PDB file of N, CA and C in Angstrom:
ATOM      1  N   MET A   1       5.274 -15.073 -26.581  1.00  0.00           N
ATOM      2  CA  MET A   1       6.003 -15.841 -27.507  1.00  0.00           C
ATOM      3  C   MET A   1       5.644 -17.355 -27.315  1.00  0.00           C
ATOM      4  N   PRO A   2       5.419 -18.050 -28.353  1.00  0.00           N
ATOM      5  CA  PRO A   2       5.023 -19.440 -28.195  1.00  0.00           C
ATOM      6  C   PRO A   2       6.154 -20.281 -27.477  1.00  0.00           C
ATOM      7  N   GLY A   3       5.807 -21.204 -26.705  1.00  0.00           N
ATOM      8  CA  GLY A   3       6.823 -22.083 -26.060  1.00  0.00           C
ATOM      9  C   GLY A   3       7.455 -21.447 -24.749  1.00  0.00           C
ATOM     10  N   THR A   4       6.944 -20.284 -24.328  1.00  0.00           N
ATOM     11  CA  THR A   4       7.527 -19.619 -23.129  1.00  0.00           C
ATOM     12  C   THR A   4       6.639 -19.875 -21.956  1.00  0.00           C
ATOM     13  N   PHE A   5       7.232 -19.745 -20.794  1.00  0.00           N
ATOM     14  CA  PHE A   5       6.424 -19.879 -19.579  1.00  0.00           C
ATOM     15  C   PHE A   5       6.966 -18.966 -18.541  1.00  0.00           C
ATOM     16  N   SER A   6       6.145 -18.717 -17.514  1.00  0.00           N
ATOM     17  CA  SER A   6       6.591 -17.983 -16.313  1.00  0.00           C
ATOM     18  C   SER A   6       6.184 -18.824 -15.109  1.00  0.00           C
ATOM     19  N   ALA A   7       6.987 -19.060 -14.229  1.00  0.00           N
ATOM     20  CA  ALA A   7       6.766 -19.786 -12.986  1.00  0.00           C
ATOM     21  C   ALA A   7       6.936 -18.826 -11.803  1.00  0.00           C
ATOM     22  N   LEU A   8       5.947 -18.897 -10.884  1.00  0.00           N
ATOM     23  CA  LEU A   8       5.986 -18.079  -9.735  1.00  0.00           C
ATOM     24  C   LEU A   8       6.143 -18.919  -8.466  1.00  0.00           C
ATOM     25  N   SER A   9       7.070 -18.534  -7.619  1.00  0.00           N
ATOM     26  CA  SER A   9       7.348 -19.292  -6.343  1.00  0.00           C
ATOM     27  C   SER A   9       7.299 -18.151  -5.192  1.00  0.00           C
ATOM     28  N   ILE A  10       6.765 -18.765  -4.086  1.00  0.00           N
ATOM     29  CA  ILE A  10       6.782 -17.989  -2.823  1.00  0.00           C
ATOM     30  C   ILE A  10       7.741 -18.629  -1.907  1.00  0.00           C
ATOM     31  N   PHE A  11       8.668 -17.860  -1.239  1.00  0.00           N
ATOM     32  CA  PHE A  11       9.639 -18.376  -0.311  1.00  0.00           C
ATOM     33  C   PHE A  11       9.256 -17.718   1.054  1.00  0.00           C
ATOM     34  N   ALA A  12       9.187 -18.533   2.110  1.00  0.00           N
ATOM     35  CA  ALA A  12       9.016 -17.888   3.452  1.00  0.00           C
ATOM     36  C   ALA A  12      10.277 -18.203   4.280  1.00  0.00           C
ATOM     37  N   TYR A  13      10.692 -17.234   5.091  1.00  0.00           N
ATOM     38  CA  TYR A  13      11.847 -17.328   5.862  1.00  0.00           C
ATOM     39  C   TYR A  13      11.484 -17.137   7.356  1.00  0.00           C
ATOM     40  N   ASP A  14      12.165 -17.935   8.213  1.00  0.00           N
ATOM     41  CA  ASP A  14      12.021 -17.757   9.711  1.00  0.00           C
ATOM     42  C   ASP A  14      13.543 -17.382  10.175  1.00  0.00           C
ATOM     43  N   LEU A  15      13.605 -16.932  11.438  1.00  0.00           N
ATOM     44  CA  LEU A  15      14.917 -16.687  11.955  1.00  0.00           C
ATOM     45  C   LEU A  15      15.449 -17.879  12.771  1.00  0.00           C
ATOM     46  N   ASP A  16      16.824 -18.123  12.594  1.00  0.00           N
ATOM     47  CA  ASP A  16      17.319 -19.209  13.379  1.00  0.00           C
ATOM     48  C   ASP A  16      17.709 -18.640  14.750  1.00  0.00           C
ATOM     49  N   ASP A  17      18.406 -19.519  15.578  1.00  0.00           N
ATOM     50  CA  ASP A  17      18.778 -19.205  17.002  1.00  0.00           C
ATOM     51  C   ASP A  17      19.750 -18.021  17.027  1.00  0.00           C
ATOM     52  N   ARG A  18      20.386 -17.623  15.968  1.00  0.00           N
ATOM     53  CA  ARG A  18      21.268 -16.577  15.850  1.00  0.00           C
ATOM     54  C   ARG A  18      20.584 -15.305  15.277  1.00  0.00           C
ATOM     55  N   GLY A  19      19.392 -15.402  14.885  1.00  0.00           N
ATOM     56  CA  GLY A  19      18.600 -14.341  14.420  1.00  0.00           C
ATOM     57  C   GLY A  19      18.818 -14.136  12.937  1.00  0.00           C
ATOM     58  N   GLU A  20      19.406 -15.199  12.249  1.00  0.00           N
ATOM     59  CA  GLU A  20      19.593 -15.211  10.760  1.00  0.00           C
ATOM     60  C   GLU A  20      18.485 -15.759  10.069  1.00  0.00           C
ATOM     61  N   PRO A  21      17.972 -15.183   8.971  1.00  0.00           N
ATOM     62  CA  PRO A  21      16.882 -15.805   8.202  1.00  0.00           C
ATOM     63  C   PRO A  21      17.314 -17.065   7.511  1.00  0.00           C
ATOM     64  N   ILE A  22      16.386 -18.047   7.610  1.00  0.00           N
ATOM     65  CA  ILE A  22      16.585 -19.382   6.999  1.00  0.00           C
ATOM     66  C   ILE A  22      15.288 -19.677   6.264  1.00  0.00           C
ATOM     67  N   GLN A  23      15.415 -20.387   5.175  1.00  0.00           N
ATOM     68  CA  GLN A  23      14.268 -20.700   4.319  1.00  0.00           C
ATOM     69  C   GLN A  23      13.288 -21.709   5.207  1.00  0.00           C
ATOM     70  N   ALA A  24      12.027 -21.347   5.356  1.00  0.00           N
ATOM     71  CA  ALA A  24      11.100 -22.195   6.067  1.00  0.00           C
ATOM     72  C   ALA A  24      10.326 -23.079   5.130  1.00  0.00           C
ATOM     73  N   TRP A  25       9.994 -22.522   3.962  1.00  0.00           N
ATOM     74  CA  TRP A  25       9.262 -23.251   2.943  1.00  0.00           C
ATOM     75  C   TRP A  25       9.223 -22.540   1.621  1.00  0.00           C
ATOM     76  N   GLU A  26       8.860 -23.314   0.585  1.00  0.00           N
ATOM     77  CA  GLU A  26       8.776 -22.687  -0.759  1.00  0.00           C
ATOM     78  C   GLU A  26       7.585 -23.451  -1.477  1.00  0.00           C
ATOM     79  N   THR A  27       6.804 -22.686  -2.200  1.00  0.00           N
ATOM     80  CA  THR A  27       5.689 -23.262  -2.976  1.00  0.00           C
ATOM     81  C   THR A  27       5.693 -22.604  -4.287  1.00  0.00           C
ATOM     82  N   VAL A  28       5.266 -23.359  -5.312  1.00  0.00           N
ATOM     83  CA  VAL A  28       4.945 -22.906  -6.650  1.00  0.00           C
ATOM     84  C   VAL A  28       3.546 -22.460  -6.707  1.00  0.00           C
ATOM     85  N   VAL A  29       3.355 -21.265  -7.331  1.00  0.00           N
ATOM     86  CA  VAL A  29       1.930 -20.680  -7.376  1.00  0.00           C
ATOM     87  C   VAL A  29       1.401 -20.876  -8.795  1.00  0.00           C
ATOM     88  N   SER A  30       0.172 -21.351  -8.795  1.00  0.00           N
ATOM     89  CA  SER A  30      -0.459 -21.498 -10.213  1.00  0.00           C
ATOM     90  C   SER A  30      -1.209 -20.233 -10.663  1.00  0.00           C
ATOM     91  N   GLY A  31      -1.416 -19.306  -9.803  1.00  0.00           N
ATOM     92  CA  GLY A  31      -2.163 -18.179 -10.165  1.00  0.00           C
ATOM     93  C   GLY A  31      -1.343 -17.029 -10.752  1.00  0.00           C
ATOM     94  N   THR A  32      -1.844 -15.836 -10.667  1.00  0.00           N
ATOM     95  CA  THR A  32      -1.183 -14.700 -11.261  1.00  0.00           C
ATOM     96  C   THR A  32      -0.211 -14.160 -10.241  1.00  0.00           C
ATOM     97  N   GLU A  33       0.627 -13.143 -10.811  1.00  0.00           N
ATOM     98  CA  GLU A  33       1.543 -12.456  -9.962  1.00  0.00           C
ATOM     99  C   GLU A  33       0.898 -11.795  -8.879  1.00  0.00           C
ATOM    100  N   GLU A  34      -0.156 -11.108  -9.071  1.00  0.00           N
ATOM    101  CA  GLU A  34      -0.997 -10.364  -8.139  1.00  0.00           C
ATOM    102  C   GLU A  34      -1.479 -11.331  -6.991  1.00  0.00           C
ATOM    103  N   GLU A  35      -1.896 -12.486  -7.423  1.00  0.00           N
ATOM    104  CA  GLU A  35      -2.315 -13.495  -6.421  1.00  0.00           C
ATOM    105  C   GLU A  35      -1.207 -14.016  -5.533  1.00  0.00           C
ATOM    106  N   ALA A  36      -0.067 -14.210  -6.161  1.00  0.00           N
ATOM    107  CA  ALA A  36       1.127 -14.713  -5.425  1.00  0.00           C
ATOM    108  C   ALA A  36       1.553 -13.611  -4.455  1.00  0.00           C
ATOM    109  N   ILE A  37       1.453 -12.367  -4.774  1.00  0.00           N
ATOM    110  CA  ILE A  37       1.925 -11.337  -3.936  1.00  0.00           C
ATOM    111  C   ILE A  37       0.945 -11.157  -2.734  1.00  0.00           C
ATOM    112  N   ALA A  38      -0.372 -11.370  -3.037  1.00  0.00           N
ATOM    113  CA  ALA A  38      -1.312 -11.264  -1.950  1.00  0.00           C
ATOM    114  C   ALA A  38      -1.109 -12.457  -1.000  1.00  0.00           C
ATOM    115  N   GLU A  39      -0.879 -13.692  -1.447  1.00  0.00           N
ATOM    116  CA  GLU A  39      -0.569 -14.818  -0.595  1.00  0.00           C
ATOM    117  C   GLU A  39       0.707 -14.516   0.135  1.00  0.00           C
ATOM    118  N   ALA A  40       1.650 -13.945  -0.402  1.00  0.00           N
ATOM    119  CA  ALA A  40       2.977 -13.686   0.349  1.00  0.00           C
ATOM    120  C   ALA A  40       2.801 -12.708   1.399  1.00  0.00           C
ATOM    121  N   LYS A  41       1.935 -11.701   1.160  1.00  0.00           N
ATOM    122  CA  LYS A  41       1.657 -10.616   2.237  1.00  0.00           C
ATOM    123  C   LYS A  41       0.975 -11.260   3.307  1.00  0.00           C
ATOM    124  N   GLU A  42       0.070 -12.201   3.076  1.00  0.00           N
ATOM    125  CA  GLU A  42      -0.690 -12.883   4.243  1.00  0.00           C
ATOM    126  C   GLU A  42       0.433 -13.742   4.975  1.00  0.00           C
ATOM    127  N   ALA A  43       1.250 -14.373   4.286  1.00  0.00           N
ATOM    128  CA  ALA A  43       2.297 -15.198   4.995  1.00  0.00           C
ATOM    129  C   ALA A  43       3.346 -14.368   5.748  1.00  0.00           C
ATOM    130  N   ALA A  44       3.486 -13.182   5.313  1.00  0.00           N
ATOM    131  CA  ALA A  44       4.468 -12.274   6.070  1.00  0.00           C
ATOM    132  C   ALA A  44       4.091 -12.065   7.445  1.00  0.00           C
ATOM    133  N   SER A  45       2.772 -12.155   7.827  1.00  0.00           N
ATOM    134  CA  SER A  45       2.320 -11.929   9.126  1.00  0.00           C
ATOM    135  C   SER A  45       2.740 -13.124  10.044  1.00  0.00           C
ATOM    136  N   ARG A  46       3.253 -14.259   9.476  1.00  0.00           N
ATOM    137  CA  ARG A  46       3.591 -15.510  10.260  1.00  0.00           C
ATOM    138  C   ARG A  46       5.061 -15.719  10.144  1.00  0.00           C
ATOM    139  N   HIS A  47       5.814 -15.093   9.329  1.00  0.00           N
ATOM    140  CA  HIS A  47       7.219 -15.375   9.076  1.00  0.00           C
ATOM    141  C   HIS A  47       8.080 -14.078   9.174  1.00  0.00           C
ATOM    142  N   ALA A  48       9.343 -14.268   9.354  1.00  0.00           N
ATOM    143  CA  ALA A  48      10.276 -13.162   9.401  1.00  0.00           C
ATOM    144  C   ALA A  48      10.405 -12.471   8.018  1.00  0.00           C
ATOM    145  N   GLY A  49      10.215 -13.186   6.960  1.00  0.00           N
ATOM    146  CA  GLY A  49      10.296 -12.548   5.703  1.00  0.00           C
ATOM    147  C   GLY A  49       9.731 -13.419   4.578  1.00  0.00           C
ATOM    148  N   VAL A  50       9.320 -12.852   3.483  1.00  0.00           N
ATOM    149  CA  VAL A  50       8.783 -13.533   2.187  1.00  0.00           C
ATOM    150  C   VAL A  50       9.390 -12.959   1.009  1.00  0.00           C
ATOM    151  N   LEU A  51       9.400 -13.802   0.000  1.00  0.00           N
ATOM    152  CA  LEU A  51       9.727 -13.460  -1.416  1.00  0.00           C
ATOM    153  C   LEU A  51       8.717 -14.057  -2.333  1.00  0.00           C
ATOM    154  N   VAL A  52       8.499 -13.294  -3.393  1.00  0.00           N
ATOM    155  CA  VAL A  52       7.829 -13.821  -4.634  1.00  0.00           C
ATOM    156  C   VAL A  52       8.826 -13.650  -5.735  1.00  0.00           C
ATOM    157  N   VAL A  53       9.055 -14.812  -6.284  1.00  0.00           N
ATOM    158  CA  VAL A  53      10.118 -14.893  -7.460  1.00  0.00           C
ATOM    159  C   VAL A  53       9.445 -15.384  -8.696  1.00  0.00           C
ATOM    160  N   ARG A  54       9.766 -14.847  -9.871  1.00  0.00           N
ATOM    161  CA  ARG A  54       9.281 -15.154 -11.097  1.00  0.00           C
ATOM    162  C   ARG A  54      10.489 -15.619 -11.944  1.00  0.00           C
ATOM    163  N   ARG A  55      10.297 -16.728 -12.641  1.00  0.00           N
ATOM    164  CA  ARG A  55      11.303 -17.234 -13.507  1.00  0.00           C
ATOM    165  C   ARG A  55      10.760 -17.609 -14.888  1.00  0.00           C
ATOM    166  N   ASP A  56      11.219 -16.882 -15.966  1.00  0.00           N
ATOM    167  CA  ASP A  56      10.716 -17.052 -17.301  1.00  0.00           C
ATOM    168  C   ASP A  56      11.608 -18.091 -18.038  1.00  0.00           C
ATOM    169  N   GLY A  57      11.084 -18.775 -18.907  1.00  0.00           N
ATOM    170  CA  GLY A  57      11.798 -19.749 -19.648  1.00  0.00           C
ATOM    171  C   GLY A  57      11.233 -20.221 -20.982  1.00  0.00           C
ATOM    172  N   ARG A  58      11.996 -20.877 -21.700  1.00  0.00           N
ATOM    173  CA  ARG A  58      11.551 -21.560 -22.974  1.00  0.00           C
ATOM    174  C   ARG A  58      12.071 -23.048 -22.934  1.00  0.00           C
ATOM    175  N   PRO A  59      11.197 -23.930 -22.326  1.00  0.00           N
ATOM    176  CA  PRO A  59      11.631 -25.240 -22.109  1.00  0.00           C
ATOM    177  C   PRO A  59      11.979 -26.016 -23.437  1.00  0.00           C
ATOM    178  N   ALA A  60      11.300 -25.644 -24.520  1.00  0.00           N
ATOM    179  CA  ALA A  60      11.526 -26.352 -25.817  1.00  0.00           C
ATOM    180  C   ALA A  60      12.932 -26.281 -26.333  1.00  0.00           C
ATOM    181  N   VAL A  61      13.671 -25.147 -25.824  1.00  0.00           N
ATOM    182  CA  VAL A  61      15.057 -25.006 -26.234  1.00  0.00           C
ATOM    183  C   VAL A  61      15.964 -25.048 -25.063  1.00  0.00           C
ATOM    184  N   GLY A  62      15.476 -25.526 -23.856  1.00  0.00           N
ATOM    185  CA  GLY A  62      16.256 -25.697 -22.720  1.00  0.00           C
ATOM    186  C   GLY A  62      16.675 -24.433 -21.976  1.00  0.00           C
ATOM    187  N   GLU A  63      15.997 -23.309 -22.275  1.00  0.00           N
ATOM    188  CA  GLU A  63      16.402 -22.041 -21.598  1.00  0.00           C
ATOM    189  C   GLU A  63      15.511 -21.813 -20.356  1.00  0.00           C
ATOM    190  N   GLU A  64      16.256 -21.445 -19.323  1.00  0.00           N
ATOM    191  CA  GLU A  64      15.480 -21.082 -18.035  1.00  0.00           C
ATOM    192  C   GLU A  64      16.146 -19.706 -17.636  1.00  0.00           C
ATOM    193  N   GLY A  65      15.347 -18.713 -17.449  1.00  0.00           N
ATOM    194  CA  GLY A  65      15.826 -17.510 -17.090  1.00  0.00           C
ATOM    195  C   GLY A  65      16.267 -17.328 -15.685  1.00  0.00           C
ATOM    196  N   ASP A  66      16.871 -16.217 -15.328  1.00  0.00           N
ATOM    197  CA  ASP A  66      17.345 -16.017 -13.987  1.00  0.00           C
ATOM    198  C   ASP A  66      16.083 -15.620 -13.119  1.00  0.00           C
ATOM    199  N   PRO A  67      16.103 -15.889 -11.803  1.00  0.00           N
ATOM    200  CA  PRO A  67      14.975 -15.492 -11.048  1.00  0.00           C
ATOM    201  C   PRO A  67      14.914 -14.015 -10.850  1.00  0.00           C
ATOM    202  N   VAL A  68      13.649 -13.518 -10.950  1.00  0.00           N
ATOM    203  CA  VAL A  68      13.435 -12.086 -10.684  1.00  0.00           C
ATOM    204  C   VAL A  68      12.586 -11.875  -9.434  1.00  0.00           C
ATOM    205  N   VAL A  69      13.047 -11.107  -8.476  1.00  0.00           N
ATOM    206  CA  VAL A  69      12.239 -10.941  -7.269  1.00  0.00           C
ATOM    207  C   VAL A  69      11.200  -9.934  -7.619  1.00  0.00           C
ATOM    208  N   VAL A  70       9.888 -10.254  -7.452  1.00  0.00           N
ATOM    209  CA  VAL A  70       8.802  -9.281  -7.752  1.00  0.00           C
ATOM    210  C   VAL A  70       8.210  -8.763  -6.566  1.00  0.00           C
ATOM    211  N   PHE A  71       8.518  -9.382  -5.374  1.00  0.00           N
ATOM    212  CA  PHE A  71       7.972  -8.863  -4.118  1.00  0.00           C
ATOM    213  C   PHE A  71       8.867  -9.415  -2.962  1.00  0.00           C
ATOM    214  N   ARG A  72       9.191  -8.503  -2.065  1.00  0.00           N
ATOM    215  CA  ARG A  72      10.061  -8.820  -0.898  1.00  0.00           C
ATOM    216  C   ARG A  72       9.554  -8.119   0.359  1.00  0.00           C
ATOM    217  N   ALA A  73       9.333  -8.832   1.436  1.00  0.00           N
ATOM    218  CA  ALA A  73       8.954  -8.242   2.710  1.00  0.00           C
ATOM    219  C   ALA A  73       9.751  -8.846   3.759  1.00  0.00           C
ATOM    220  N   GLY A  74      10.133  -8.084   4.789  1.00  0.00           N
ATOM    221  CA  GLY A  74      10.888  -8.607   5.910  1.00  0.00           C
ATOM    222  C   GLY A  74      12.301  -8.982   5.616  1.00  0.00           C
ATOM    223  N   ARG A  75      12.793  -9.941   6.535  1.00  0.00           N
ATOM    224  CA  ARG A  75      14.178 -10.406   6.517  1.00  0.00           C
ATOM    225  C   ARG A  75      14.192 -11.712   5.583  1.00  0.00           C
ATOM    226  N   THR A  76      14.903 -11.604   4.522  1.00  0.00           N
ATOM    227  CA  THR A  76      15.087 -12.885   3.635  1.00  0.00           C
ATOM    228  C   THR A  76      16.478 -13.280   3.474  1.00  0.00           C
ATOM    229  N   GLY A  77      17.484 -12.496   3.933  1.00  0.00           N
ATOM    230  CA  GLY A  77      18.846 -12.943   3.711  1.00  0.00           C
ATOM    231  C   GLY A  77      19.191 -12.798   2.249  1.00  0.00           C
ATOM    232  N   ASP A  78      20.204 -13.521   1.825  1.00  0.00           N
ATOM    233  CA  ASP A  78      20.663 -13.569   0.419  1.00  0.00           C
ATOM    234  C   ASP A  78      19.772 -14.444  -0.340  1.00  0.00           C
ATOM    235  N   PHE A  79      19.337 -14.070  -1.524  1.00  0.00           N
ATOM    236  CA  PHE A  79      18.671 -14.932  -2.414  1.00  0.00           C
ATOM    237  C   PHE A  79      19.343 -15.062  -3.759  1.00  0.00           C
ATOM    238  N   ASP A  80      19.646 -16.320  -4.094  1.00  0.00           N
ATOM    239  CA  ASP A  80      20.265 -16.619  -5.406  1.00  0.00           C
ATOM    240  C   ASP A  80      19.480 -17.623  -6.152  1.00  0.00           C
TER     241      ASP A  80
END
């Protein structure tokens, strides 16, 4: 549909001193969903958990969709 977009983000989580997952970093990915998942799988070897999240929207009308988790590995805690 014209005027729509999909944004992909990767979130990495480490564990705090109580063993709870906390967000270590986030990055927006310019590639495909498959490339984002591959990058997240690689990051999973260095972090307690990772997420790949897609958000669809139509900025021309001010709509931004809810985040959709497309890949999750390890401990990520709650994600909203």
